[in-house]
């Protein structure tokens, strides 16, 4: 039962949340926390050999972040804050970097086995 509850965390728009904290507070620490949390969450499922959960979860988080960025812009300045990227471009970039970090975690787990 706990495994299924952890999969729900993937519905959180992590990239959007990290960007919102950066925009509001001016702190890039949120990006690091996003990467660490997603890596730990993925590690949990990788160890249990449930590779589909992180794959679908990352897609769900990306879609949620995309929808938030498009439908809930924080203010007009939001569109120029992440230059040279747009907010959607930044979400794509953060998701790509997050996937690379998670792939490194998967490779490390496979090497241990």
PDB file of N, CA and C in Angstrom:
ATOM      1  N   UNK A   1       0.819  -1.196   0.000  1.00  0.00           N
ATOM      2  CA  UNK A   1       0.000   0.000   0.000  1.00  0.00           C
ATOM      3  C   UNK A   1       0.863   1.261   0.000  1.00  0.00           C
ATOM      4  N   UNK A   2       1.938   1.265   0.795  1.00  0.00           N
ATOM      5  CA  UNK A   2       2.805   2.436   0.871  1.00  0.00           C
ATOM      6  C   UNK A   2       3.455   2.741  -0.474  1.00  0.00           C
ATOM      7  N   UNK A   3       3.752   1.701  -1.248  1.00  0.00           N
ATOM      8  CA  UNK A   3       4.370   1.898  -2.560  1.00  0.00           C
ATOM      9  C   UNK A   3       3.455   2.710  -3.469  1.00  0.00           C
ATOM     10  N   UNK A   4       2.177   2.418  -3.427  1.00  0.00           N
ATOM     11  CA  UNK A   4       1.229   3.143  -4.265  1.00  0.00           C
ATOM     12  C   UNK A   4       1.099   4.593  -3.822  1.00  0.00           C
ATOM     13  N   UNK A   5       1.157   4.839  -2.544  1.00  0.00           N
ATOM     14  CA  UNK A   5       1.065   6.203  -2.022  1.00  0.00           C
ATOM     15  C   UNK A   5       2.273   7.013  -2.474  1.00  0.00           C
ATOM     16  N   UNK A   6       3.455   6.421  -2.487  1.00  0.00           N
ATOM     17  CA  UNK A   6       4.640   7.141  -2.933  1.00  0.00           C
ATOM     18  C   UNK A   6       4.554   7.521  -4.410  1.00  0.00           C
ATOM     19  N   UNK A   7       3.924   6.703  -5.216  1.00  0.00           N
ATOM     20  CA  UNK A   7       3.789   7.004  -6.643  1.00  0.00           C
ATOM     21  C   UNK A   7       2.948   8.260  -6.868  1.00  0.00           C
ATOM     22  N   UNK A   8       2.062   8.575  -5.941  1.00  0.00           N
ATOM     23  CA  UNK A   8       1.212   9.766  -6.058  1.00  0.00           C
ATOM     24  C   UNK A   8       2.063  11.043  -6.020  1.00  0.00           C
ATOM     25  N   UNK A   9       3.213  10.992  -5.368  1.00  0.00           N
ATOM     26  CA  UNK A   9       4.081  12.170  -5.293  1.00  0.00           C
ATOM     27  C   UNK A   9       4.533  12.638  -6.676  1.00  0.00           C
ATOM     28  N   UNK A  10       4.525  11.751  -7.642  1.00  0.00           N
ATOM     29  CA  UNK A  10       4.918  12.140  -8.991  1.00  0.00           C
ATOM     30  C   UNK A  10       3.931  13.112  -9.632  1.00  0.00           C
ATOM     31  N   UNK A  11       2.729  13.206  -9.091  1.00  0.00           N
ATOM     32  CA  UNK A  11       1.737  14.129  -9.636  1.00  0.00           C
ATOM     33  C   UNK A  11       2.052  15.582  -9.280  1.00  0.00           C
ATOM     34  N   UNK A  12       2.995  15.792  -8.388  1.00  0.00           N
ATOM     35  CA  UNK A  12       3.392  17.145  -7.995  1.00  0.00           C
ATOM     36  C   UNK A  12       4.145  17.800  -9.157  1.00  0.00           C
ATOM     37  N   UNK A  13       3.801  19.025  -9.491  1.00  0.00           N
ATOM     38  CA  UNK A  13       4.528  19.726 -10.569  1.00  0.00           C
ATOM     39  C   UNK A  13       5.870  20.260 -10.043  1.00  0.00           C
ATOM     40  N   UNK A  14       6.841  19.375  -9.906  1.00  0.00           N
ATOM     41  CA  UNK A  14       8.118  19.722  -9.281  1.00  0.00           C
ATOM     42  C   UNK A  14       8.838  20.863  -9.992  1.00  0.00           C
ATOM     43  N   UNK A  15       8.906  20.811 -11.303  1.00  0.00           N
ATOM     44  CA  UNK A  15       9.630  21.852 -12.040  1.00  0.00           C
ATOM     45  C   UNK A  15       8.962  23.207 -11.840  1.00  0.00           C
ATOM     46  N   UNK A  16       7.637  23.245 -11.923  1.00  0.00           N
ATOM     47  CA  UNK A  16       6.915  24.497 -11.728  1.00  0.00           C
ATOM     48  C   UNK A  16       7.129  25.020 -10.308  1.00  0.00           C
ATOM     49  N   UNK A  17       7.051  24.134  -9.325  1.00  0.00           N
ATOM     50  CA  UNK A  17       7.240  24.548  -7.928  1.00  0.00           C
ATOM     51  C   UNK A  17       8.640  25.119  -7.711  1.00  0.00           C
ATOM     52  N   UNK A  18       9.647  24.467  -8.264  1.00  0.00           N
ATOM     53  CA  UNK A  18      11.021  24.962  -8.126  1.00  0.00           C
ATOM     54  C   UNK A  18      11.177  26.324  -8.797  1.00  0.00           C
ATOM     55  N   UNK A  19      10.568  26.474  -9.956  1.00  0.00           N
ATOM     56  CA  UNK A  19      10.633  27.757 -10.667  1.00  0.00           C
ATOM     57  C   UNK A  19       9.898  28.846  -9.890  1.00  0.00           C
ATOM     58  N   UNK A  20       8.756  28.497  -9.300  1.00  0.00           N
ATOM     59  CA  UNK A  20       7.985  29.475  -8.537  1.00  0.00           C
ATOM     60  C   UNK A  20       8.773  29.963  -7.318  1.00  0.00           C
ATOM     61  N   UNK A  21       9.460  29.051  -6.643  1.00  0.00           N
ATOM     62  CA  UNK A  21      10.288  29.450  -5.499  1.00  0.00           C
ATOM     63  C   UNK A  21      11.427  30.344  -5.957  1.00  0.00           C
ATOM     64  N   UNK A  22      12.046  29.999  -7.065  1.00  0.00           N
ATOM     65  CA  UNK A  22      13.115  30.838  -7.613  1.00  0.00           C
ATOM     66  C   UNK A  22      12.569  32.226  -7.957  1.00  0.00           C
ATOM     67  N   UNK A  23      11.424  32.275  -8.583  1.00  0.00           N
ATOM     68  CA  UNK A  23      10.818  33.541  -9.004  1.00  0.00           C
ATOM     69  C   UNK A  23      10.429  34.405  -7.799  1.00  0.00           C
ATOM     70  N   UNK A  24       9.809  33.780  -6.788  1.00  0.00           N
ATOM     71  CA  UNK A  24       9.293  34.535  -5.640  1.00  0.00           C
ATOM     72  C   UNK A  24      10.390  34.856  -4.627  1.00  0.00           C
ATOM     73  N   UNK A  25      11.206  33.861  -4.300  1.00  0.00           N
ATOM     74  CA  UNK A  25      12.216  34.029  -3.248  1.00  0.00           C
ATOM     75  C   UNK A  25      13.610  34.334  -3.782  1.00  0.00           C
ATOM     76  N   UNK A  26      13.829  34.066  -5.061  1.00  0.00           N
ATOM     77  CA  UNK A  26      15.158  34.272  -5.633  1.00  0.00           C
ATOM     78  C   UNK A  26      16.161  33.227  -5.184  1.00  0.00           C
ATOM     79  N   UNK A  27      15.678  32.029  -4.863  1.00  0.00           N
ATOM     80  CA  UNK A  27      16.537  30.959  -4.362  1.00  0.00           C
ATOM     81  C   UNK A  27      16.614  29.819  -5.370  1.00  0.00           C
ATOM     82  N   UNK A  28      17.837  29.472  -5.752  1.00  0.00           N
ATOM     83  CA  UNK A  28      18.001  28.346  -6.669  1.00  0.00           C
ATOM     84  C   UNK A  28      18.096  27.017  -5.918  1.00  0.00           C
ATOM     85  N   UNK A  29      18.044  27.063  -4.599  1.00  0.00           N
ATOM     86  CA  UNK A  29      18.074  25.847  -3.793  1.00  0.00           C
ATOM     87  C   UNK A  29      16.892  24.933  -4.142  1.00  0.00           C
ATOM     88  N   UNK A  30      15.794  25.512  -4.566  1.00  0.00           N
ATOM     89  CA  UNK A  30      14.620  24.706  -4.904  1.00  0.00           C
ATOM     90  C   UNK A  30      14.897  23.741  -6.056  1.00  0.00           C
ATOM     91  N   UNK A  31      15.760  24.133  -6.983  1.00  0.00           N
ATOM     92  CA  UNK A  31      16.104  23.234  -8.093  1.00  0.00           C
ATOM     93  C   UNK A  31      16.880  22.020  -7.576  1.00  0.00           C
ATOM     94  N   UNK A  32      17.780  22.268  -6.647  1.00  0.00           N
ATOM     95  CA  UNK A  32      18.562  21.172  -6.056  1.00  0.00           C
ATOM     96  C   UNK A  32      17.643  20.236  -5.281  1.00  0.00           C
ATOM     97  N   UNK A  33      16.744  20.813  -4.486  1.00  0.00           N
ATOM     98  CA  UNK A  33      15.809  19.985  -3.722  1.00  0.00           C
ATOM     99  C   UNK A  33      14.917  19.157  -4.646  1.00  0.00           C
ATOM    100  N   UNK A  34      14.498  19.739  -5.758  1.00  0.00           N
ATOM    101  CA  UNK A  34      13.688  19.007  -6.733  1.00  0.00           C
ATOM    102  C   UNK A  34      14.454  17.794  -7.255  1.00  0.00           C
ATOM    103  N   UNK A  35      15.704  18.005  -7.634  1.00  0.00           N
ATOM    104  CA  UNK A  35      16.520  16.907  -8.173  1.00  0.00           C
ATOM    105  C   UNK A  35      16.746  15.819  -7.127  1.00  0.00           C
ATOM    106  N   UNK A  36      17.037  16.227  -5.901  1.00  0.00           N
ATOM    107  CA  UNK A  36      17.280  15.256  -4.830  1.00  0.00           C
ATOM    108  C   UNK A  36      16.012  14.458  -4.536  1.00  0.00           C
ATOM    109  N   UNK A  37      14.882  15.141  -4.397  1.00  0.00           N
ATOM    110  CA  UNK A  37      13.639  14.444  -4.078  1.00  0.00           C
ATOM    111  C   UNK A  37      13.241  13.474  -5.184  1.00  0.00           C
ATOM    112  N   UNK A  38      13.302  13.925  -6.423  1.00  0.00           N
ATOM    113  CA  UNK A  38      12.941  13.037  -7.532  1.00  0.00           C
ATOM    114  C   UNK A  38      13.910  11.858  -7.643  1.00  0.00           C
ATOM    115  N   UNK A  39      15.186  12.090  -7.369  1.00  0.00           N
ATOM    116  CA  UNK A  39      16.165  10.996  -7.419  1.00  0.00           C
ATOM    117  C   UNK A  39      15.892   9.965  -6.333  1.00  0.00           C
ATOM    118  N   UNK A  40      15.573  10.425  -5.128  1.00  0.00           N
ATOM    119  CA  UNK A  40      15.260   9.502  -4.039  1.00  0.00           C
ATOM    120  C   UNK A  40      13.972   8.729  -4.318  1.00  0.00           C
ATOM    121  N   UNK A  41      12.987   9.420  -4.849  1.00  0.00           N
ATOM    122  CA  UNK A  41      11.721   8.767  -5.185  1.00  0.00           C
ATOM    123  C   UNK A  41      11.944   7.710  -6.269  1.00  0.00           C
ATOM    124  N   UNK A  42      12.690   8.062  -7.292  1.00  0.00           N
ATOM    125  CA  UNK A  42      12.985   7.107  -8.368  1.00  0.00           C
ATOM    126  C   UNK A  42      13.807   5.940  -7.843  1.00  0.00           C
ATOM    127  N   UNK A  43      14.764   6.230  -6.989  1.00  0.00           N
ATOM    128  CA  UNK A  43      15.606   5.171  -6.412  1.00  0.00           C
ATOM    129  C   UNK A  43      14.746   4.122  -5.718  1.00  0.00           C
ATOM    130  N   UNK A  44      13.743   4.592  -4.972  1.00  0.00           N
ATOM    131  CA  UNK A  44      12.843   3.681  -4.273  1.00  0.00           C
ATOM    132  C   UNK A  44      12.230   2.671  -5.250  1.00  0.00           C
ATOM    133  N   UNK A  45      11.775   3.156  -6.391  1.00  0.00           N
ATOM    134  CA  UNK A  45      11.139   2.266  -7.364  1.00  0.00           C
ATOM    135  C   UNK A  45      12.167   1.484  -8.181  1.00  0.00           C
ATOM    136  N   UNK A  46      13.316   2.063  -8.471  1.00  0.00           N
ATOM    137  CA  UNK A  46      14.360   1.353  -9.209  1.00  0.00           C
ATOM    138  C   UNK A  46      14.834   0.130  -8.436  1.00  0.00           C
ATOM    139  N   UNK A  47      15.018   0.288  -7.126  1.00  0.00           N
ATOM    140  CA  UNK A  47      15.475  -0.831  -6.292  1.00  0.00           C
ATOM    141  C   UNK A  47      14.467  -1.972  -6.336  1.00  0.00           C
ATOM    142  N   UNK A  48      13.199  -1.646  -6.414  1.00  0.00           N
ATOM    143  CA  UNK A  48      12.141  -2.659  -6.471  1.00  0.00           C
ATOM    144  C   UNK A  48      11.848  -3.128  -7.895  1.00  0.00           C
ATOM    145  N   UNK A  49      12.684  -2.695  -8.832  1.00  0.00           N
ATOM    146  CA  UNK A  49      12.588  -3.086 -10.244  1.00  0.00           C
ATOM    147  C   UNK A  49      11.250  -2.696 -10.871  1.00  0.00           C
ATOM    148  N   UNK A  50      10.730  -1.565 -10.467  1.00  0.00           N
ATOM    149  CA  UNK A  50       9.494  -1.022 -11.032  1.00  0.00           C
ATOM    150  C   UNK A  50       9.855   0.219 -11.849  1.00  0.00           C
ATOM    151  N   UNK A  51      10.417  -0.003 -13.027  1.00  0.00           N
ATOM    152  CA  UNK A  51      10.907   1.087 -13.860  1.00  0.00           C
ATOM    153  C   UNK A  51       9.787   1.891 -14.510  1.00  0.00           C
ATOM    154  N   UNK A  52       8.630   1.279 -14.662  1.00  0.00           N
ATOM    155  CA  UNK A  52       7.526   1.978 -15.299  1.00  0.00           C
ATOM    156  C   UNK A  52       6.982   3.114 -14.431  1.00  0.00           C
ATOM    157  N   UNK A  53       7.026   2.939 -13.116  1.00  0.00           N
ATOM    158  CA  UNK A  53       6.487   3.968 -12.210  1.00  0.00           C
ATOM    159  C   UNK A  53       7.243   5.289 -12.360  1.00  0.00           C
ATOM    160  N   UNK A  54       8.587   5.308 -12.293  1.00  0.00           N
ATOM    161  CA  UNK A  54       9.279   6.590 -12.504  1.00  0.00           C
ATOM    162  C   UNK A  54       9.078   7.157 -13.912  1.00  0.00           C
ATOM    163  N   UNK A  55       8.993   6.291 -14.909  1.00  0.00           N
ATOM    164  CA  UNK A  55       8.791   6.777 -16.275  1.00  0.00           C
ATOM    165  C   UNK A  55       7.446   7.492 -16.404  1.00  0.00           C
ATOM    166  N   UNK A  56       6.401   6.848 -15.942  1.00  0.00           N
ATOM    167  CA  UNK A  56       5.075   7.465 -15.986  1.00  0.00           C
ATOM    168  C   UNK A  56       4.982   8.656 -15.029  1.00  0.00           C
ATOM    169  N   UNK A  57       5.629   8.528 -13.886  1.00  0.00           N
ATOM    170  CA  UNK A  57       5.611   9.600 -12.893  1.00  0.00           C
ATOM    171  C   UNK A  57       6.284  10.867 -13.395  1.00  0.00           C
ATOM    172  N   UNK A  58       7.420  10.717 -14.057  1.00  0.00           N
ATOM    173  CA  UNK A  58       8.108  11.883 -14.616  1.00  0.00           C
ATOM    174  C   UNK A  58       7.255  12.546 -15.697  1.00  0.00           C
ATOM    175  N   UNK A  59       6.573  11.739 -16.481  1.00  0.00           N
ATOM    176  CA  UNK A  59       5.678  12.290 -17.504  1.00  0.00           C
ATOM    177  C   UNK A  59       4.530  13.057 -16.838  1.00  0.00           C
ATOM    178  N   UNK A  60       3.970  12.494 -15.771  1.00  0.00           N
ATOM    179  CA  UNK A  60       2.869  13.158 -15.060  1.00  0.00           C
ATOM    180  C   UNK A  60       3.336  14.473 -14.437  1.00  0.00           C
ATOM    181  N   UNK A  61       4.515  14.467 -13.851  1.00  0.00           N
ATOM    182  CA  UNK A  61       5.047  15.683 -13.238  1.00  0.00           C
ATOM    183  C   UNK A  61       5.329  16.750 -14.297  1.00  0.00           C
ATOM    184  N   UNK A  62       5.849  16.321 -15.437  1.00  0.00           N
ATOM    185  CA  UNK A  62       6.096  17.258 -16.535  1.00  0.00           C
ATOM    186  C   UNK A  62       4.791  17.885 -17.017  1.00  0.00           C
ATOM    187  N   UNK A  63       3.783  17.054 -17.230  1.00  0.00           N
ATOM    188  CA  UNK A  63       2.495  17.560 -17.711  1.00  0.00           C
ATOM    189  C   UNK A  63       1.880  18.523 -16.697  1.00  0.00           C
ATOM    190  N   UNK A  64       1.951  18.160 -15.414  1.00  0.00           N
ATOM    191  CA  UNK A  64       1.412  19.040 -14.370  1.00  0.00           C
ATOM    192  C   UNK A  64       2.163  20.371 -14.349  1.00  0.00           C
ATOM    193  N   UNK A  65       3.484  20.322 -14.464  1.00  0.00           N
ATOM    194  CA  UNK A  65       4.284  21.552 -14.484  1.00  0.00           C
ATOM    195  C   UNK A  65       3.966  22.390 -15.705  1.00  0.00           C
ATOM    196  N   UNK A  66       3.843  21.744 -16.858  1.00  0.00           N
ATOM    197  CA  UNK A  66       3.519  22.440 -18.094  1.00  0.00           C
ATOM    198  C   UNK A  66       2.176  23.166 -17.975  1.00  0.00           C
ATOM    199  N   UNK A  67       1.174  22.449 -17.483  1.00  0.00           N
ATOM    200  CA  UNK A  67      -0.151  23.049 -17.337  1.00  0.00           C
ATOM    201  C   UNK A  67      -0.140  24.210 -16.348  1.00  0.00           C
ATOM    202  N   UNK A  68       0.581  24.061 -15.260  1.00  0.00           N
ATOM    203  CA  UNK A  68       0.683  25.153 -14.284  1.00  0.00           C
ATOM    204  C   UNK A  68       1.357  26.371 -14.899  1.00  0.00           C
ATOM    205  N   UNK A  69       2.432  26.156 -15.630  1.00  0.00           N
ATOM    206  CA  UNK A  69       3.157  27.279 -16.230  1.00  0.00           C
ATOM    207  C   UNK A  69       2.305  28.022 -17.247  1.00  0.00           C
ATOM    208  N   UNK A  70       1.496  27.275 -17.978  1.00  0.00           N
ATOM    209  CA  UNK A  70       0.660  27.890 -19.008  1.00  0.00           C
ATOM    210  C   UNK A  70      -0.585  28.543 -18.393  1.00  0.00           C
ATOM    211  N   UNK A  71      -1.185  27.882 -17.426  1.00  0.00           N
ATOM    212  CA  UNK A  71      -2.456  28.354 -16.872  1.00  0.00           C
ATOM    213  C   UNK A  71      -2.316  29.246 -15.637  1.00  0.00           C
ATOM    214  N   UNK A  72      -1.186  29.150 -14.930  1.00  0.00           N
ATOM    215  CA  UNK A  72      -1.022  29.912 -13.693  1.00  0.00           C
ATOM    216  C   UNK A  72       0.278  30.715 -13.724  1.00  0.00           C
ATOM    217  N   UNK A  73       0.427  31.641 -14.649  1.00  0.00           N
ATOM    218  CA  UNK A  73       1.636  32.475 -14.617  1.00  0.00           C
ATOM    219  C   UNK A  73       1.585  33.363 -13.374  1.00  0.00           C
ATOM    220  N   UNK A  74       2.703  33.527 -12.700  1.00  0.00           N
ATOM    221  CA  UNK A  74       2.709  34.259 -11.438  1.00  0.00           C
ATOM    222  C   UNK A  74       2.477  35.757 -11.643  1.00  0.00           C
ATOM    223  N   UNK A  75       3.032  36.322 -12.665  1.00  0.00           N
ATOM    224  CA  UNK A  75       2.786  37.709 -13.052  1.00  0.00           C
ATOM    225  C   UNK A  75       3.465  37.934 -14.395  1.00  0.00           C
ATOM    226  N   UNK A  76       3.304  39.100 -14.963  1.00  0.00           N
ATOM    227  CA  UNK A  76       3.845  39.365 -16.299  1.00  0.00           C
ATOM    228  C   UNK A  76       5.358  39.164 -16.363  1.00  0.00           C
ATOM    229  N   UNK A  77       6.051  39.535 -15.307  1.00  0.00           N
ATOM    230  CA  UNK A  77       7.516  39.405 -15.250  1.00  0.00           C
ATOM    231  C   UNK A  77       7.969  37.946 -15.348  1.00  0.00           C
ATOM    232  N   UNK A  78       7.067  37.013 -15.046  1.00  0.00           N
ATOM    233  CA  UNK A  78       7.328  35.566 -15.095  1.00  0.00           C
ATOM    234  C   UNK A  78       7.862  35.140 -16.454  1.00  0.00           C
ATOM    235  N   UNK A  79       7.340  35.740 -17.529  1.00  0.00           N
ATOM    236  CA  UNK A  79       7.704  35.323 -18.882  1.00  0.00           C
ATOM    237  C   UNK A  79       9.133  35.683 -19.259  1.00  0.00           C
ATOM    238  N   UNK A  80       9.712  36.696 -18.650  1.00  0.00           N
ATOM    239  CA  UNK A  80      11.079  37.085 -18.969  1.00  0.00           C
ATOM    240  C   UNK A  80      12.085  36.702 -17.913  1.00  0.00           C
ATOM    241  N   UNK A  81      11.621  36.110 -16.817  1.00  0.00           N
ATOM    242  CA  UNK A  81      12.496  35.819 -15.677  1.00  0.00           C
ATOM    243  C   UNK A  81      13.533  34.747 -15.984  1.00  0.00           C
ATOM    244  N   UNK A  82      13.209  33.783 -16.792  1.00  0.00           N
ATOM    245  CA  UNK A  82      14.081  32.631 -17.037  1.00  0.00           C
ATOM    246  C   UNK A  82      14.861  32.756 -18.343  1.00  0.00           C
ATOM    247  N   UNK A  83      15.077  33.977 -18.795  1.00  0.00           N
ATOM    248  CA  UNK A  83      15.781  34.216 -20.062  1.00  0.00           C
ATOM    249  C   UNK A  83      17.108  33.493 -20.074  1.00  0.00           C
ATOM    250  N   UNK A  84      17.487  32.910 -21.168  1.00  0.00           N
ATOM    251  CA  UNK A  84      16.911  32.994 -22.510  1.00  0.00           C
ATOM    252  C   UNK A  84      15.751  32.029 -22.733  1.00  0.00           C
ATOM    253  N   UNK A  85      15.351  31.284 -21.712  1.00  0.00           N
ATOM    254  CA  UNK A  85      14.260  30.322 -21.867  1.00  0.00           C
ATOM    255  C   UNK A  85      12.926  30.945 -21.471  1.00  0.00           C
ATOM    256  N   UNK A  86      11.870  30.423 -22.027  1.00  0.00           N
ATOM    257  CA  UNK A  86      10.519  30.765 -21.581  1.00  0.00           C
ATOM    258  C   UNK A  86      10.217  29.874 -20.378  1.00  0.00           C
ATOM    259  N   UNK A  87       9.148  30.130 -19.636  1.00  0.00           N
ATOM    260  CA  UNK A  87       8.801  29.219 -18.543  1.00  0.00           C
ATOM    261  C   UNK A  87       8.621  27.771 -19.010  1.00  0.00           C
ATOM    262  N   UNK A  88       7.982  27.572 -20.159  1.00  0.00           N
ATOM    263  CA  UNK A  88       7.802  26.209 -20.678  1.00  0.00           C
ATOM    264  C   UNK A  88       9.157  25.618 -21.080  1.00  0.00           C
ATOM    265  N   UNK A  89      10.001  26.408 -21.694  1.00  0.00           N
ATOM    266  CA  UNK A  89      11.349  25.949 -22.042  1.00  0.00           C
ATOM    267  C   UNK A  89      12.146  25.554 -20.813  1.00  0.00           C
ATOM    268  N   UNK A  90      11.981  26.319 -19.743  1.00  0.00           N
ATOM    269  CA  UNK A  90      12.668  26.009 -18.488  1.00  0.00           C
ATOM    270  C   UNK A  90      12.156  24.688 -17.902  1.00  0.00           C
ATOM    271  N   UNK A  91      10.866  24.445 -18.005  1.00  0.00           N
ATOM    272  CA  UNK A  91      10.306  23.180 -17.518  1.00  0.00           C
ATOM    273  C   UNK A  91      10.867  22.009 -18.316  1.00  0.00           C
ATOM    274  N   UNK A  92      10.957  22.165 -19.617  1.00  0.00           N
ATOM    275  CA  UNK A  92      11.535  21.112 -20.457  1.00  0.00           C
ATOM    276  C   UNK A  92      12.995  20.879 -20.066  1.00  0.00           C
ATOM    277  N   UNK A  93      13.744  21.951 -19.879  1.00  0.00           N
ATOM    278  CA  UNK A  93      15.151  21.843 -19.482  1.00  0.00           C
ATOM    279  C   UNK A  93      15.289  21.153 -18.125  1.00  0.00           C
ATOM    280  N   UNK A  94      14.506  21.569 -17.134  1.00  0.00           N
ATOM    281  CA  UNK A  94      14.587  20.969 -15.796  1.00  0.00           C
ATOM    282  C   UNK A  94      14.198  19.497 -15.822  1.00  0.00           C
ATOM    283  N   UNK A  95      13.180  19.162 -16.600  1.00  0.00           N
ATOM    284  CA  UNK A  95      12.771  17.762 -16.701  1.00  0.00           C
ATOM    285  C   UNK A  95      13.876  16.923 -17.337  1.00  0.00           C
ATOM    286  N   UNK A  96      14.509  17.447 -18.367  1.00  0.00           N
ATOM    287  CA  UNK A  96      15.607  16.744 -19.033  1.00  0.00           C
ATOM    288  C   UNK A  96      16.773  16.509 -18.065  1.00  0.00           C
ATOM    289  N   UNK A  97      17.166  17.543 -17.336  1.00  0.00           N
ATOM    290  CA  UNK A  97      18.264  17.411 -16.362  1.00  0.00           C
ATOM    291  C   UNK A  97      17.878  16.418 -15.277  1.00  0.00           C
ATOM    292  N   UNK A  98      16.640  16.477 -14.815  1.00  0.00           N
ATOM    293  CA  UNK A  98      16.172  15.547 -13.796  1.00  0.00           C
ATOM    294  C   UNK A  98      16.223  14.107 -14.291  1.00  0.00           C
ATOM    295  N   UNK A  99      15.849  13.890 -15.535  1.00  0.00           N
ATOM    296  CA  UNK A  99      15.909  12.537 -16.099  1.00  0.00           C
ATOM    297  C   UNK A  99      17.348  12.035 -16.178  1.00  0.00           C
ATOM    298  N   UNK A 100      18.279  12.922 -16.497  1.00  0.00           N
ATOM    299  CA  UNK A 100      19.692  12.526 -16.539  1.00  0.00           C
ATOM    300  C   UNK A 100      20.162  12.117 -15.145  1.00  0.00           C
ATOM    301  N   UNK A 101      19.805  12.894 -14.134  1.00  0.00           N
ATOM    302  CA  UNK A 101      20.191  12.572 -12.756  1.00  0.00           C
ATOM    303  C   UNK A 101      19.587  11.225 -12.346  1.00  0.00           C
ATOM    304  N   UNK A 102      18.325  11.011 -12.688  1.00  0.00           N
ATOM    305  CA  UNK A 102      17.681   9.742 -12.348  1.00  0.00           C
ATOM    306  C   UNK A 102      18.296   8.571 -13.105  1.00  0.00           C
ATOM    307  N   UNK A 103      18.730   8.789 -14.331  1.00  0.00           N
ATOM    308  CA  UNK A 103      19.413   7.752 -15.095  1.00  0.00           C
ATOM    309  C   UNK A 103      20.739   7.384 -14.432  1.00  0.00           C
ATOM    310  N   UNK A 104      21.446   8.370 -13.928  1.00  0.00           N
ATOM    311  CA  UNK A 104      22.692   8.115 -13.202  1.00  0.00           C
ATOM    312  C   UNK A 104      22.413   7.275 -11.958  1.00  0.00           C
ATOM    313  N   UNK A 105      21.313   7.587 -11.256  1.00  0.00           N
ATOM    314  CA  UNK A 105      20.926   6.801 -10.082  1.00  0.00           C
ATOM    315  C   UNK A 105      20.641   5.356 -10.501  1.00  0.00           C
ATOM    316  N   UNK A 106      19.918   5.166 -11.591  1.00  0.00           N
ATOM    317  CA  UNK A 106      19.605   3.816 -12.075  1.00  0.00           C
ATOM    318  C   UNK A 106      20.879   3.053 -12.433  1.00  0.00           C
ATOM    319  N   UNK A 107      21.804   3.705 -13.110  1.00  0.00           N
ATOM    320  CA  UNK A 107      23.065   3.053 -13.486  1.00  0.00           C
ATOM    321  C   UNK A 107      23.840   2.648 -12.232  1.00  0.00           C
ATOM    322  N   UNK A 108      23.873   3.533 -11.239  1.00  0.00           N
ATOM    323  CA  UNK A 108      24.572   3.217  -9.985  1.00  0.00           C
ATOM    324  C   UNK A 108      23.947   2.029  -9.285  1.00  0.00           C
ATOM    325  N   UNK A 109      22.636   1.949  -9.301  1.00  0.00           N
ATOM    326  CA  UNK A 109      21.948   0.815  -8.660  1.00  0.00           C
ATOM    327  C   UNK A 109      22.252  -0.478  -9.422  1.00  0.00           C
ATOM    328  N   UNK A 110      22.238  -0.415 -10.740  1.00  0.00           N
ATOM    329  CA  UNK A 110      22.522  -1.604 -11.552  1.00  0.00           C
ATOM    330  C   UNK A 110      23.952  -2.094 -11.346  1.00  0.00           C
ATOM    331  N   UNK A 111      24.903  -1.169 -11.155  1.00  0.00           N
ATOM    332  CA  UNK A 111      26.291  -1.566 -10.938  1.00  0.00           C
ATOM    333  C   UNK A 111      26.475  -2.254  -9.607  1.00  0.00           C
ATOM    334  N   UNK A 112      25.657  -1.869  -8.606  1.00  0.00           N
ATOM    335  CA  UNK A 112      25.750  -2.485  -7.284  1.00  0.00           C
ATOM    336  C   UNK A 112      25.275  -3.923  -7.296  1.00  0.00           C
ATOM    337  N   UNK A 113      24.338  -4.230  -8.199  1.00  0.00           N
ATOM    338  CA  UNK A 113      23.735  -5.585  -8.228  1.00  0.00           C
ATOM    339  C   UNK A 113      24.661  -6.613  -8.721  1.00  0.00           C
TER     340      UNK A 113
END
